[in-house]
Protein backbone atom coordinates (compact mmCIF):
# COMPACT_ATOMS: atom_id res chain seq x y z
CA MET A 1 23.80 63.49 0.66
CA ARG A 2 25.05 63.34 -2.64
CA LYS A 3 25.20 60.06 -4.88
CA GLU A 4 28.82 59.83 -4.52
CA GLU A 5 28.59 59.96 -0.51
CA LYS A 6 25.87 57.11 -0.74
CA SER A 7 27.77 55.34 -2.80
CA GLN A 8 30.85 55.36 -0.60
CA LEU A 9 28.95 54.54 2.34
CA ILE A 10 27.53 51.26 0.58
CA ASP A 11 30.99 50.54 -0.03
CA ASN A 12 32.05 51.05 3.04
CA LEU A 13 29.05 48.79 4.71
CA THR A 14 29.55 45.98 2.07
CA GLU A 15 33.22 45.59 3.45
CA GLN A 16 32.10 45.15 6.78
CA LEU A 17 29.69 42.84 6.23
CA GLN A 18 31.96 40.80 4.45
CA ASN A 19 34.82 41.21 7.28
CA ASN A 20 32.23 39.97 9.84
CA PRO A 21 30.34 36.82 9.57
CA ASN A 22 27.83 37.68 12.59
CA LEU A 23 25.28 40.19 11.59
CA TYR A 24 22.79 41.59 14.49
CA ILE A 25 20.09 44.37 13.10
CA THR A 26 18.82 46.31 16.29
CA ASP A 27 16.75 49.21 16.96
CA ILE A 28 18.08 51.58 20.25
CA SER A 29 16.12 54.70 18.62
CA ASP A 30 14.72 56.19 22.26
CA LEU A 31 17.77 55.63 23.86
CA ASN A 32 19.37 58.95 25.15
CA SER A 33 22.72 60.20 24.84
CA GLU A 34 23.87 58.61 28.16
CA SER A 35 22.50 55.48 27.58
CA THR A 36 24.01 55.34 24.35
CA SER A 37 27.31 56.22 25.37
CA LYS A 38 27.41 53.19 27.90
CA LEU A 39 26.24 50.87 25.04
CA ARG A 40 28.84 52.06 22.65
CA ARG A 41 31.46 51.59 25.63
CA LEU A 42 30.21 48.18 26.21
CA CYS A 43 30.35 47.25 22.53
CA PHE A 44 33.94 48.37 22.47
CA LYS A 45 34.70 46.43 25.42
CA LYS A 46 33.16 43.28 24.02
CA ASP A 47 34.91 43.72 20.58
CA VAL A 48 31.43 44.46 19.15
CA LYS A 49 30.83 47.18 16.29
CA LEU A 50 28.00 49.37 16.56
CA ILE A 51 26.88 51.21 13.36
CA VAL A 52 23.75 53.28 12.91
CA VAL A 53 22.81 52.85 9.40
CA LYS A 54 20.34 53.99 6.94
CA ASN A 55 17.43 51.04 5.63
CA THR A 56 17.99 51.52 2.28
CA LEU A 57 21.81 51.91 2.12
CA LEU A 58 22.13 48.83 4.62
CA ARG A 59 20.06 46.71 1.97
CA LYS A 60 21.96 47.83 -0.90
CA ALA A 61 24.94 46.86 0.85
CA MET A 62 23.70 43.20 2.01
CA GLU A 63 22.66 42.85 -1.61
CA ARG A 64 26.42 43.57 -2.81
CA THR A 65 27.45 40.32 -0.49
CA GLU A 66 27.83 36.60 -1.22
CA ARG A 67 25.69 36.12 1.63
CA ASN A 68 21.89 35.73 1.61
CA TYR A 69 20.33 38.05 3.61
CA SER A 70 16.90 38.16 2.03
CA GLU A 71 15.20 37.10 5.22
CA LEU A 72 16.38 39.75 6.91
CA TYR A 73 15.11 42.53 4.57
CA GLU A 74 11.60 42.61 6.34
CA THR A 75 13.43 44.12 9.46
CA LEU A 76 14.99 46.91 7.51
CA LYS A 77 11.81 49.35 8.57
CA GLY A 78 12.12 52.05 11.41
CA ALA A 79 15.43 53.12 13.30
CA THR A 80 18.06 50.82 12.63
CA SER A 81 21.83 49.98 13.93
CA ILE A 82 23.93 47.04 13.18
CA MET A 83 26.19 44.95 15.79
CA LEU A 84 29.10 42.90 14.00
CA SER A 85 30.99 40.68 15.69
CA GLU A 86 33.71 37.87 15.18
CA VAL A 87 32.33 35.82 17.84
CA ASN A 88 28.65 34.34 17.01
CA ASN A 89 26.91 34.90 20.52
CA GLU A 90 29.01 38.03 21.73
CA PRO A 91 26.17 40.60 20.52
CA ALA A 92 23.07 38.73 21.72
CA LYS A 93 24.89 38.19 25.21
CA LEU A 94 26.01 42.04 25.26
CA ILE A 95 21.99 42.92 24.13
CA LYS A 96 20.78 40.68 27.02
CA GLU A 97 23.32 42.39 29.56
CA PHE A 98 22.53 45.65 28.65
CA ARG A 99 19.12 45.14 28.83
CA LYS A 100 19.13 44.64 32.74
CA THR A 101 19.31 48.43 32.82
CA SER A 102 17.22 49.37 29.95
CA ASP A 103 14.29 47.95 27.59
CA LYS A 104 16.43 48.71 24.38
CA PRO A 105 18.13 47.78 22.30
CA ILE A 106 15.49 45.43 20.60
CA LEU A 107 16.89 42.77 18.28
CA LYS A 108 15.15 42.95 14.97
CA GLY A 109 17.13 40.28 13.22
CA ALA A 110 20.29 38.46 12.95
CA PHE A 111 22.49 36.48 10.48
CA VAL A 112 24.43 34.07 12.31
CA GLU A 113 26.33 30.79 11.58
CA GLU A 114 24.82 31.10 7.81
CA MET A 115 21.39 31.38 9.73
CA ALA A 116 18.70 34.33 9.50
CA PHE A 117 17.12 34.97 12.82
CA VAL A 118 13.76 37.05 12.62
CA GLY A 119 12.40 38.93 15.72
CA ASP A 120 13.51 39.79 19.26
CA LYS A 121 12.59 36.37 20.07
CA SER A 122 15.22 34.55 18.83
CA LEU A 123 17.89 36.37 21.42
CA ASP A 124 17.89 33.35 23.95
CA THR A 125 18.36 31.08 21.04
CA LEU A 126 21.45 33.25 19.63
CA ILE A 127 22.42 33.39 23.26
CA SER A 128 22.46 29.52 23.58
CA ILE A 129 24.74 29.01 20.13
CA LYS A 130 28.31 28.46 21.35
CA SER A 131 31.02 30.36 19.95
CA LYS A 132 34.01 29.04 18.07
CA ASN A 133 36.30 28.93 21.46
CA GLU A 134 33.61 27.35 23.14
CA LEU A 135 33.28 24.16 20.86
CA ILE A 136 36.98 23.85 20.67
CA GLY A 137 37.10 23.53 24.43
CA ASP A 138 34.31 21.15 24.52
CA ILE A 139 36.46 19.36 21.98
CA ILE A 140 39.54 19.25 23.96
CA LEU A 141 37.45 18.32 27.53
CA ALA A 142 36.06 15.31 25.31
CA LEU A 143 39.14 14.27 24.20
CA LYS A 144 41.18 14.57 27.51
CA SER A 145 38.12 12.73 29.21
CA PRO A 146 39.25 9.09 27.84
CA ALA A 147 42.87 9.74 28.04
CA ASN A 148 42.32 10.81 31.64
CA ASN A 149 40.34 7.68 32.21
CA VAL A 150 43.17 5.44 30.65
CA ILE A 151 46.03 6.84 32.46
CA SER A 152 44.13 6.30 36.05
CA ALA A 153 43.25 3.02 35.07
CA LEU A 154 46.91 1.95 34.50
CA GLN A 155 47.99 3.88 37.47
CA SER A 156 45.64 1.95 39.61
CA GLY A 157 46.66 -1.06 37.59
CA GLY A 158 50.21 -0.68 38.42
CA HIS A 159 49.44 -0.19 42.22
CA LYS A 160 47.62 -3.81 42.04
CA LEU A 161 50.34 -5.33 40.15
CA SER A 162 52.75 -4.20 42.59
CA GLY A 163 50.59 -5.57 45.70
CA VAL A 164 50.28 -8.82 44.14
CA LEU A 165 53.91 -9.18 43.67
CA LYS A 166 54.83 -8.00 47.06
CA THR A 167 52.34 -10.66 48.58
CA LEU A 168 53.77 -13.45 46.34
CA SER A 169 57.46 -12.56 47.26
CA GLU A 170 56.70 -12.73 51.10
CA ARG A 171 54.78 -15.93 50.90
CA GLU A 172 57.66 -17.66 49.30
CA ALA A 173 60.31 -16.17 52.00
């Protein structure tokens, strides 16, 4: 590969890293072509970009971004592919789902929510991180609950008040 081609690949990778806040570094080596195709289809369906990269080019691209990926440099050994996503926990869920039928991909590391996670043991932690939409849903639910309590208290209070008024009006008659 010529120097110009490498430079172009690094620029492309740098742009991909800057445009996607969540990076998962994985190992999908030893997957046969059928399994690799299934993984790529699943990634496409879940809106996750899967890119096979050279470690040296990825490291140079990481160094060019504003994010601090230095904790992940040690994971750049052997066969490497990256998963990029807008949703922070989607690649972790995808890896877990795909592993029901295969022992790969193996999570080497991840950069999610401005934090680095190293090693496959971090997979369950990454799955449990809530996505932006999940957090918004939780906030709406938390805000809705007190309002529902106030409305139901007012409605039940109205029924009690009308019952008291009816009883008082019947006494006078």
